[in-house]
Structures are given as structure tokens and as C-alpha cells.
């Protein structure tokens, strides 16, 4: 017997996108910290859907080219594991938006440390 699951619409999640070291990615939003990628481990599909300009103006460098920024991602998630499974889209946000969100203060403090 084959069970079909309904198609899941991408969620729009906004918060602190962090890439502190090669292959390691997280998005911290109001619901917690979502794993996007772990070096030598889980990597969400669709990383190519994050354009290069996302890492230019507004990208805060903390470790060479690595760092963080405020962003929104259109994603599929595994809520039980707090993982992003696929990235459909991304857009940059001004850092002041994340700084103004009380729920993201801890994430911003953690992102500043390489």
C-alpha cells in the first residue's frame, strides 16, 4: 500500500542566517534554531537558491568570508528535527530588522562569535 502525502508549501522563515565556518549553516528565527547544513553531514537541498549578493552588502564577516546577516528563506522543514530540508528562495533584510526583534537577540549574540 502506498500512502501519498499532501504537497507542502514552502514556509517563509526570517531571522539570522549564520555561516560561521565552511559547510555550517543555521537560521535562527522566532521558533528556534534551524539546521541548514553541518560540515560532513546534513546539507539542505537548494543551497544554490541563495544568490551571491546575499553575502555582499549587509553580510557581517566574523571569520574571513564567513559570518551572518538578517534574511528570509523560503524553505521546507523537518520540524521534529529542526532542520531545513530544501531552500526554495532567499532574500536579504536590513540588519536592523533582526536587531529590533527581541526573539532574535540571543541568536545575534551567538552569530557574532566565530
Protein backbone atom coordinates (compact mmCIF):
# COMPACT_ATOMS: atom_id res chain seq x y z
CA UNK A 1 0.00 0.00 0.00
CA UNK A 2 1.37 3.41 -0.97
CA UNK A 3 0.39 6.40 1.11
CA UNK A 4 0.51 9.78 -0.54
CA UNK A 5 1.38 12.83 1.48
CA UNK A 6 -0.03 16.20 0.53
CA UNK A 7 2.32 18.66 -1.12
CA UNK A 8 3.77 21.01 1.44
CA UNK A 9 4.02 24.70 0.63
CA UNK A 10 7.33 26.35 1.38
CA UNK A 11 7.46 28.23 4.67
CA UNK A 12 8.82 31.76 4.78
CA UNK A 13 11.25 31.95 7.72
CA UNK A 14 13.01 35.18 8.61
CA UNK A 15 15.84 35.63 11.08
CA UNK A 16 19.58 35.43 11.50
CA UNK A 17 21.24 33.40 8.75
CA UNK A 18 24.60 32.21 10.07
CA UNK A 19 27.53 30.59 8.24
CA UNK A 20 30.38 30.69 10.78
CA UNK A 21 32.66 28.13 9.10
CA UNK A 22 32.71 26.08 5.86
CA UNK A 23 29.65 23.87 5.41
CA UNK A 24 27.95 25.00 8.64
CA UNK A 25 24.68 26.92 8.25
CA UNK A 26 21.85 27.84 10.61
CA UNK A 27 18.80 30.07 10.56
CA UNK A 28 17.60 31.34 13.93
CA UNK A 29 14.04 32.67 13.95
CA UNK A 30 11.19 33.09 16.43
CA UNK A 31 10.71 29.31 16.60
CA UNK A 32 14.33 28.45 17.36
CA UNK A 33 17.47 27.45 15.50
CA UNK A 34 17.07 25.57 12.22
CA UNK A 35 19.97 23.49 10.90
CA UNK A 36 20.57 24.13 7.22
CA UNK A 37 23.90 22.37 6.90
CA UNK A 38 26.55 20.67 9.00
CA UNK A 39 30.04 20.13 7.62
CA UNK A 40 30.38 16.47 6.54
CA UNK A 41 26.70 15.93 7.44
CA UNK A 42 23.20 17.16 6.58
CA UNK A 43 23.03 19.76 3.81
CA UNK A 44 19.69 21.19 2.70
CA UNK A 45 18.88 20.86 -0.98
CA UNK A 46 18.69 24.12 -2.90
CA UNK A 47 21.71 25.93 -1.47
CA UNK A 48 22.14 27.32 -4.99
CA UNK A 49 18.93 29.29 -4.39
CA UNK A 50 20.85 31.66 -2.12
CA UNK A 51 22.28 34.26 -4.53
CA UNK A 52 25.82 35.59 -4.18
CA UNK A 53 24.59 39.12 -3.45
CA UNK A 54 23.15 37.79 -0.19
CA UNK A 55 26.76 37.66 1.02
CA UNK A 56 27.79 41.13 -0.07
CA UNK A 57 26.31 44.35 1.33
CA UNK A 58 24.89 43.61 4.77
CA UNK A 59 26.87 40.40 5.35
CA UNK A 60 28.67 40.69 8.69
CA UNK A 61 32.03 38.92 8.50
CA UNK A 62 33.24 37.22 11.67
CA UNK A 63 35.71 34.67 10.31
CA UNK A 64 37.24 35.59 6.96
CA UNK A 65 34.37 35.44 4.48
CA UNK A 66 32.14 33.62 6.97
CA UNK A 67 29.58 35.42 9.09
CA UNK A 68 25.87 36.23 9.32
CA UNK A 69 23.07 38.51 8.18
CA UNK A 70 19.36 39.10 8.55
CA UNK A 71 17.44 37.24 5.83
CA UNK A 72 14.25 35.48 4.83
CA UNK A 73 14.31 32.00 3.32
CA UNK A 74 11.50 30.13 1.57
CA UNK A 75 12.07 26.60 2.89
CA UNK A 76 10.74 23.13 3.51
CA UNK A 77 11.48 21.92 7.04
CA UNK A 78 11.52 18.88 9.24
CA UNK A 79 10.01 20.44 12.36
CA UNK A 80 10.75 17.45 14.56
CA UNK A 81 14.48 17.66 13.83
CA UNK A 82 14.51 21.49 13.43
CA UNK A 83 16.11 21.07 10.01
CA UNK A 84 15.72 22.90 6.76
CA UNK A 85 15.39 20.21 4.10
CA UNK A 86 15.13 22.42 1.00
CA UNK A 87 15.71 26.09 0.21
CA UNK A 88 13.44 27.49 -2.49
CA UNK A 89 14.31 31.17 -2.25
CA UNK A 90 16.10 33.76 -0.17
CA UNK A 91 16.13 37.50 0.30
CA UNK A 92 18.28 39.85 2.33
CA UNK A 93 16.82 42.02 5.08
CA UNK A 94 18.35 45.04 6.78
CA UNK A 95 20.20 44.02 9.95
CA UNK A 96 18.11 46.50 11.94
CA UNK A 97 15.07 44.27 11.40
CA UNK A 98 16.70 41.37 13.24
CA UNK A 99 18.21 43.70 15.85
CA UNK A 100 14.74 45.07 16.63
CA UNK A 101 13.27 41.58 17.19
CA UNK A 102 13.62 40.64 20.87
CA UNK A 103 13.27 36.95 19.98
CA UNK A 104 16.50 37.15 17.94
CA UNK A 105 18.81 38.87 20.42
CA UNK A 106 20.41 35.62 21.60
CA UNK A 107 20.88 34.45 18.00
CA UNK A 108 22.61 37.71 17.09
CA UNK A 109 24.89 37.45 20.12
CA UNK A 110 25.83 33.86 19.18
CA UNK A 111 26.37 34.77 15.50
CA UNK A 112 28.98 37.35 16.44
CA UNK A 113 31.25 34.62 17.82
CA UNK A 114 33.18 32.61 15.20
